[in-house]
Amino acid sequence: MNLRTVFWRRAAQSLPAPVRARYAVELERAETIDLWVGAAIDAWRDVRAAFARRRKSAYTGS
């Protein structure tokens, strides 16, 4: 199992070995989804901040 984040590594380690082996693929998929959702949220924040800056500069004439 190749988990990249501490959270998911600890989650996997907390499971008994047979369970960890049985659900290894699902744990890796869950981590991937978690990373994609986090990246999407970060991107949305960046876009939102850029629009806010643009809107502010339009009102201030800067």
PDB file of N, CA and C in Angstrom:
ATOM      1  N   MET A   1       0.851  -1.167   0.000  1.00  0.00           N
ATOM      2  CA  MET A   1       0.000   0.000   0.000  1.00  0.00           C
ATOM      3  C   MET A   1       0.901   1.235   0.000  1.00  0.00           C
ATOM      4  N   ASN A   2       0.584   2.169  -0.888  1.00  0.00           N
ATOM      5  CA  ASN A   2       1.422   3.354  -1.046  1.00  0.00           C
ATOM      6  C   ASN A   2       0.598   4.602  -0.728  1.00  0.00           C
ATOM      7  N   LEU A   3       0.425   4.887   0.549  1.00  0.00           N
ATOM      8  CA  LEU A   3      -0.329   6.063   0.967  1.00  0.00           C
ATOM      9  C   LEU A   3       0.622   7.235   1.151  1.00  0.00           C
ATOM     10  N   ARG A   4       0.194   8.420   0.711  1.00  0.00           N
ATOM     11  CA  ARG A   4       1.078   9.585   0.703  1.00  0.00           C
ATOM     12  C   ARG A   4       0.901  10.497   1.908  1.00  0.00           C
ATOM     13  N   THR A   5      -0.274  10.488   2.510  1.00  0.00           N
ATOM     14  CA  THR A   5      -0.514  11.425   3.604  1.00  0.00           C
ATOM     15  C   THR A   5      -0.489  10.721   4.959  1.00  0.00           C
ATOM     16  N   VAL A   6      -0.097  11.472   5.953  1.00  0.00           N
ATOM     17  CA  VAL A   6       0.005  10.931   7.310  1.00  0.00           C
ATOM     18  C   VAL A   6      -1.363  10.434   7.786  1.00  0.00           C
ATOM     19  N   PHE A   7      -2.401  11.203   7.514  1.00  0.00           N
ATOM     20  CA  PHE A   7      -3.741  10.822   7.970  1.00  0.00           C
ATOM     21  C   PHE A   7      -4.103   9.425   7.473  1.00  0.00           C
ATOM     22  N   TRP A   8      -3.954   9.190   6.176  1.00  0.00           N
ATOM     23  CA  TRP A   8      -4.369   7.901   5.610  1.00  0.00           C
ATOM     24  C   TRP A   8      -3.426   6.781   6.018  1.00  0.00           C
ATOM     25  N   ARG A   9      -2.136   7.079   6.202  1.00  0.00           N
ATOM     26  CA  ARG A   9      -1.219   6.044   6.699  1.00  0.00           C
ATOM     27  C   ARG A   9      -1.612   5.610   8.096  1.00  0.00           C
ATOM     28  N   ARG A  10      -1.930   6.594   8.944  1.00  0.00           N
ATOM     29  CA  ARG A  10      -2.346   6.247  10.321  1.00  0.00           C
ATOM     30  C   ARG A  10      -3.665   5.495  10.325  1.00  0.00           C
ATOM     31  N   ALA A  11      -4.588   5.908   9.466  1.00  0.00           N
ATOM     32  CA  ALA A  11      -5.869   5.205   9.380  1.00  0.00           C
ATOM     33  C   ALA A  11      -5.650   3.752   8.983  1.00  0.00           C
ATOM     34  N   ALA A  12      -4.786   3.527   8.011  1.00  0.00           N
ATOM     35  CA  ALA A  12      -4.509   2.156   7.579  1.00  0.00           C
ATOM     36  C   ALA A  12      -3.815   1.362   8.678  1.00  0.00           C
ATOM     37  N   GLN A  13      -2.870   1.990   9.369  1.00  0.00           N
ATOM     38  CA  GLN A  13      -2.145   1.291  10.428  1.00  0.00           C
ATOM     39  C   GLN A  13      -3.036   0.929  11.607  1.00  0.00           C
ATOM     40  N   SER A  14      -4.120   1.675  11.774  1.00  0.00           N
ATOM     41  CA  SER A  14      -5.011   1.390  12.900  1.00  0.00           C
ATOM     42  C   SER A  14      -5.872   0.152  12.655  1.00  0.00           C
ATOM     43  N   LEU A  15      -5.899  -0.323  11.429  1.00  0.00           N
ATOM     44  CA  LEU A  15      -6.697  -1.503  11.097  1.00  0.00           C
ATOM     45  C   LEU A  15      -5.885  -2.774  11.300  1.00  0.00           C
ATOM     46  N   PRO A  16      -6.554  -3.865  11.645  1.00  0.00           N
ATOM     47  CA  PRO A  16      -5.851  -5.151  11.716  1.00  0.00           C
ATOM     48  C   PRO A  16      -5.286  -5.503  10.328  1.00  0.00           C
ATOM     49  N   ALA A  17      -4.178  -6.200  10.293  1.00  0.00           N
ATOM     50  CA  ALA A  17      -3.490  -6.520   9.035  1.00  0.00           C
ATOM     51  C   ALA A  17      -4.402  -7.158   7.981  1.00  0.00           C
ATOM     52  N   PRO A  18      -5.238  -8.137   8.335  1.00  0.00           N
ATOM     53  CA  PRO A  18      -6.095  -8.737   7.302  1.00  0.00           C
ATOM     54  C   PRO A  18      -7.092  -7.727   6.707  1.00  0.00           C
ATOM     55  N   VAL A  19      -7.600  -6.859   7.553  1.00  0.00           N
ATOM     56  CA  VAL A  19      -8.548  -5.845   7.078  1.00  0.00           C
ATOM     57  C   VAL A  19      -7.815  -4.834   6.203  1.00  0.00           C
ATOM     58  N   ARG A  20      -6.646  -4.424   6.637  1.00  0.00           N
ATOM     59  CA  ARG A  20      -5.832  -3.473   5.872  1.00  0.00           C
ATOM     60  C   ARG A  20      -5.534  -4.034   4.482  1.00  0.00           C
ATOM     61  N   ALA A  21      -5.166  -5.302   4.419  1.00  0.00           N
ATOM     62  CA  ALA A  21      -4.858  -5.926   3.129  1.00  0.00           C
ATOM     63  C   ALA A  21      -6.104  -6.012   2.254  1.00  0.00           C
ATOM     64  N   ARG A  22      -7.225  -6.350   2.881  1.00  0.00           N
ATOM     65  CA  ARG A  22      -8.469  -6.502   2.119  1.00  0.00           C
ATOM     66  C   ARG A  22      -8.942  -5.185   1.517  1.00  0.00           C
ATOM     67  N   TYR A  23      -8.752  -4.093   2.230  1.00  0.00           N
ATOM     68  CA  TYR A  23      -9.279  -2.797   1.784  1.00  0.00           C
ATOM     69  C   TYR A  23      -8.190  -1.824   1.316  1.00  0.00           C
ATOM     70  N   ALA A  24      -7.029  -2.332   0.972  1.00  0.00           N
ATOM     71  CA  ALA A  24      -5.912  -1.477   0.541  1.00  0.00           C
ATOM     72  C   ALA A  24      -6.294  -0.607  -0.653  1.00  0.00           C
ATOM     73  N   VAL A  25      -6.926  -1.189  -1.638  1.00  0.00           N
ATOM     74  CA  VAL A  25      -7.304  -0.430  -2.841  1.00  0.00           C
ATOM     75  C   VAL A  25      -8.292   0.674  -2.486  1.00  0.00           C
ATOM     76  N   GLU A  26      -9.264   0.355  -1.634  1.00  0.00           N
ATOM     77  CA  GLU A  26     -10.259   1.354  -1.242  1.00  0.00           C
ATOM     78  C   GLU A  26      -9.624   2.495  -0.459  1.00  0.00           C
ATOM     79  N   LEU A  27      -8.660   2.165   0.412  1.00  0.00           N
ATOM     80  CA  LEU A  27      -7.966   3.213   1.163  1.00  0.00           C
ATOM     81  C   LEU A  27      -7.178   4.127   0.231  1.00  0.00           C
ATOM     82  N   GLU A  28      -6.519   3.546  -0.752  1.00  0.00           N
ATOM     83  CA  GLU A  28      -5.769   4.360  -1.712  1.00  0.00           C
ATOM     84  C   GLU A  28      -6.710   5.247  -2.533  1.00  0.00           C
ATOM     85  N   ARG A  29      -7.842   4.706  -2.945  1.00  0.00           N
ATOM     86  CA  ARG A  29      -8.827   5.501  -3.692  1.00  0.00           C
ATOM     87  C   ARG A  29      -9.392   6.625  -2.836  1.00  0.00           C
ATOM     88  N   ALA A  30      -9.671   6.326  -1.589  1.00  0.00           N
ATOM     89  CA  ALA A  30     -10.200   7.355  -0.684  1.00  0.00           C
ATOM     90  C   ALA A  30      -9.192   8.482  -0.509  1.00  0.00           C
ATOM     91  N   GLU A  31      -7.921   8.126  -0.382  1.00  0.00           N
ATOM     92  CA  GLU A  31      -6.893   9.154  -0.254  1.00  0.00           C
ATOM     93  C   GLU A  31      -6.817  10.000  -1.522  1.00  0.00           C
ATOM     94  N   THR A  32      -6.880   9.363  -2.672  1.00  0.00           N
ATOM     95  CA  THR A  32      -6.832  10.091  -3.938  1.00  0.00           C
ATOM     96  C   THR A  32      -8.004  11.061  -4.048  1.00  0.00           C
ATOM     97  N   ILE A  33      -9.188  10.599  -3.702  1.00  0.00           N
ATOM     98  CA  ILE A  33     -10.367  11.478  -3.728  1.00  0.00           C
ATOM     99  C   ILE A  33     -10.176  12.632  -2.761  1.00  0.00           C
ATOM    100  N   ASP A  34      -9.682  12.338  -1.578  1.00  0.00           N
ATOM    101  CA  ASP A  34      -9.433  13.366  -0.570  1.00  0.00           C
ATOM    102  C   ASP A  34      -8.469  14.430  -1.103  1.00  0.00           C
ATOM    103  N   LEU A  35      -7.400  13.995  -1.762  1.00  0.00           N
ATOM    104  CA  LEU A  35      -6.427  14.941  -2.312  1.00  0.00           C
ATOM    105  C   LEU A  35      -7.032  15.771  -3.442  1.00  0.00           C
ATOM    106  N   TRP A  36      -7.836  15.151  -4.301  1.00  0.00           N
ATOM    107  CA  TRP A  36      -8.489  15.890  -5.393  1.00  0.00           C
ATOM    108  C   TRP A  36      -9.487  16.909  -4.865  1.00  0.00           C
ATOM    109  N   VAL A  37     -10.266  16.529  -3.873  1.00  0.00           N
ATOM    110  CA  VAL A  37     -11.234  17.469  -3.290  1.00  0.00           C
ATOM    111  C   VAL A  37     -10.495  18.636  -2.643  1.00  0.00           C
ATOM    112  N   GLY A  38      -9.435  18.353  -1.934  1.00  0.00           N
ATOM    113  CA  GLY A  38      -8.638  19.419  -1.329  1.00  0.00           C
ATOM    114  C   GLY A  38      -8.072  20.366  -2.370  1.00  0.00           C
ATOM    115  N   ALA A  39      -7.577  19.814  -3.473  1.00  0.00           N
ATOM    116  CA  ALA A  39      -7.039  20.653  -4.554  1.00  0.00           C
ATOM    117  C   ALA A  39      -8.134  21.490  -5.190  1.00  0.00           C
ATOM    118  N   ALA A  40      -9.313  20.919  -5.365  1.00  0.00           N
ATOM    119  CA  ALA A  40     -10.434  21.666  -5.948  1.00  0.00           C
ATOM    120  C   ALA A  40     -10.856  22.820  -5.041  1.00  0.00           C
ATOM    121  N   ILE A  41     -10.878  22.583  -3.745  1.00  0.00           N
ATOM    122  CA  ILE A  41     -11.229  23.640  -2.792  1.00  0.00           C
ATOM    123  C   ILE A  41     -10.185  24.747  -2.827  1.00  0.00           C
ATOM    124  N   ASP A  42      -8.917  24.378  -2.870  1.00  0.00           N
ATOM    125  CA  ASP A  42      -7.850  25.383  -2.952  1.00  0.00           C
ATOM    126  C   ASP A  42      -7.971  26.207  -4.234  1.00  0.00           C
ATOM    127  N   ALA A  43      -8.258  25.544  -5.346  1.00  0.00           N
ATOM    128  CA  ALA A  43      -8.413  26.256  -6.613  1.00  0.00           C
ATOM    129  C   ALA A  43      -9.595  27.213  -6.555  1.00  0.00           C
ATOM    130  N   TRP A  44     -10.697  26.763  -5.986  1.00  0.00           N
ATOM    131  CA  TRP A  44     -11.882  27.618  -5.854  1.00  0.00           C
ATOM    132  C   TRP A  44     -11.561  28.855  -5.001  1.00  0.00           C
ATOM    133  N   ARG A  45     -10.823  28.668  -3.922  1.00  0.00           N
ATOM    134  CA  ARG A  45     -10.438  29.800  -3.075  1.00  0.00           C
ATOM    135  C   ARG A  45      -9.586  30.801  -3.850  1.00  0.00           C
ATOM    136  N   ASP A  46      -8.654  30.285  -4.664  1.00  0.00           N
ATOM    137  CA  ASP A  46      -7.800  31.166  -5.463  1.00  0.00           C
ATOM    138  C   ASP A  46      -8.616  31.959  -6.477  1.00  0.00           C
ATOM    139  N   VAL A  47      -9.544  31.297  -7.156  1.00  0.00           N
ATOM    140  CA  VAL A  47     -10.395  31.973  -8.138  1.00  0.00           C
ATOM    141  C   VAL A  47     -11.257  33.018  -7.450  1.00  0.00           C
ATOM    142  N   ARG A  48     -11.826  32.648  -6.339  1.00  0.00           N
ATOM    143  CA  ARG A  48     -12.679  33.577  -5.590  1.00  0.00           C
ATOM    144  C   ARG A  48     -11.889  34.807  -5.139  1.00  0.00           C
ATOM    145  N   ALA A  49     -10.685  34.598  -4.639  1.00  0.00           N
ATOM    146  CA  ALA A  49      -9.839  35.710  -4.196  1.00  0.00           C
ATOM    147  C   ALA A  49      -9.456  36.598  -5.373  1.00  0.00           C
ATOM    148  N   ALA A  50      -9.179  35.987  -6.533  1.00  0.00           N
ATOM    149  CA  ALA A  50      -8.823  36.772  -7.715  1.00  0.00           C
ATOM    150  C   ALA A  50      -9.998  37.640  -8.151  1.00  0.00           C
ATOM    151  N   PHE A  51     -11.190  37.091  -8.145  1.00  0.00           N
ATOM    152  CA  PHE A  51     -12.377  37.887  -8.502  1.00  0.00           C
ATOM    153  C   PHE A  51     -12.612  39.002  -7.497  1.00  0.00           C
ATOM    154  N   ALA A  52     -12.385  38.714  -6.224  1.00  0.00           N
ATOM    155  CA  ALA A  52     -12.568  39.744  -5.197  1.00  0.00           C
ATOM    156  C   ALA A  52     -11.577  40.880  -5.394  1.00  0.00           C
ATOM    157  N   ARG A  53     -10.317  40.542  -5.707  1.00  0.00           N
ATOM    158  CA  ARG A  53      -9.317  41.587  -5.968  1.00  0.00           C
ATOM    159  C   ARG A  53      -9.682  42.403  -7.194  1.00  0.00           C
ATOM    160  N   ARG A  54     -10.147  41.727  -8.231  1.00  0.00           N
ATOM    161  CA  ARG A  54     -10.522  42.425  -9.459  1.00  0.00           C
ATOM    162  C   ARG A  54     -11.709  43.353  -9.208  1.00  0.00           C
ATOM    163  N   ARG A  55     -12.666  42.848  -8.461  1.00  0.00           N
ATOM    164  CA  ARG A  55     -13.859  43.656  -8.152  1.00  0.00           C
ATOM    165  C   ARG A  55     -13.475  44.881  -7.324  1.00  0.00           C
ATOM    166  N   LYS A  56     -12.582  44.676  -6.354  1.00  0.00           N
ATOM    167  CA  LYS A  56     -12.143  45.773  -5.495  1.00  0.00           C
ATOM    168  C   LYS A  56     -11.417  46.824  -6.337  1.00  0.00           C
ATOM    169  N   SER A  57     -10.549  46.394  -7.233  1.00  0.00           N
ATOM    170  CA  SER A  57      -9.795  47.353  -8.045  1.00  0.00           C
ATOM    171  C   SER A  57     -10.712  48.093  -9.017  1.00  0.00           C
ATOM    172  N   ALA A  58     -11.797  47.466  -9.433  1.00  0.00           N
ATOM    173  CA  ALA A  58     -12.741  48.123 -10.345  1.00  0.00           C
ATOM    174  C   ALA A  58     -13.450  49.269  -9.619  1.00  0.00           C
ATOM    175  N   TYR A  59     -13.710  49.104  -8.331  1.00  0.00           N
ATOM    176  CA  TYR A  59     -14.401  50.152  -7.564  1.00  0.00           C
ATOM    177  C   TYR A  59     -13.466  51.257  -7.091  1.00  0.00           C
ATOM    178  N   THR A  60     -12.216  50.907  -6.881  1.00  0.00           N
ATOM    179  CA  THR A  60     -11.268  51.915  -6.371  1.00  0.00           C
ATOM    180  C   THR A  60     -10.506  52.618  -7.479  1.00  0.00           C
ATOM    181  N   GLY A  61     -10.628  52.088  -8.695  1.00  0.00           N
ATOM    182  CA  GLY A  61      -9.930  52.691  -9.812  1.00  0.00           C
ATOM    183  C   GLY A  61      -8.465  52.348  -9.869  1.00  0.00           C
ATOM    184  N   SER A  62      -8.025  51.345  -9.099  1.00  0.00           N
ATOM    185  CA  SER A  62      -6.605  50.956  -9.070  1.00  0.00           C
ATOM    186  C   SER A  62      -6.301  49.989 -10.181  1.00  0.00           C
TER     187      SER A  62
END
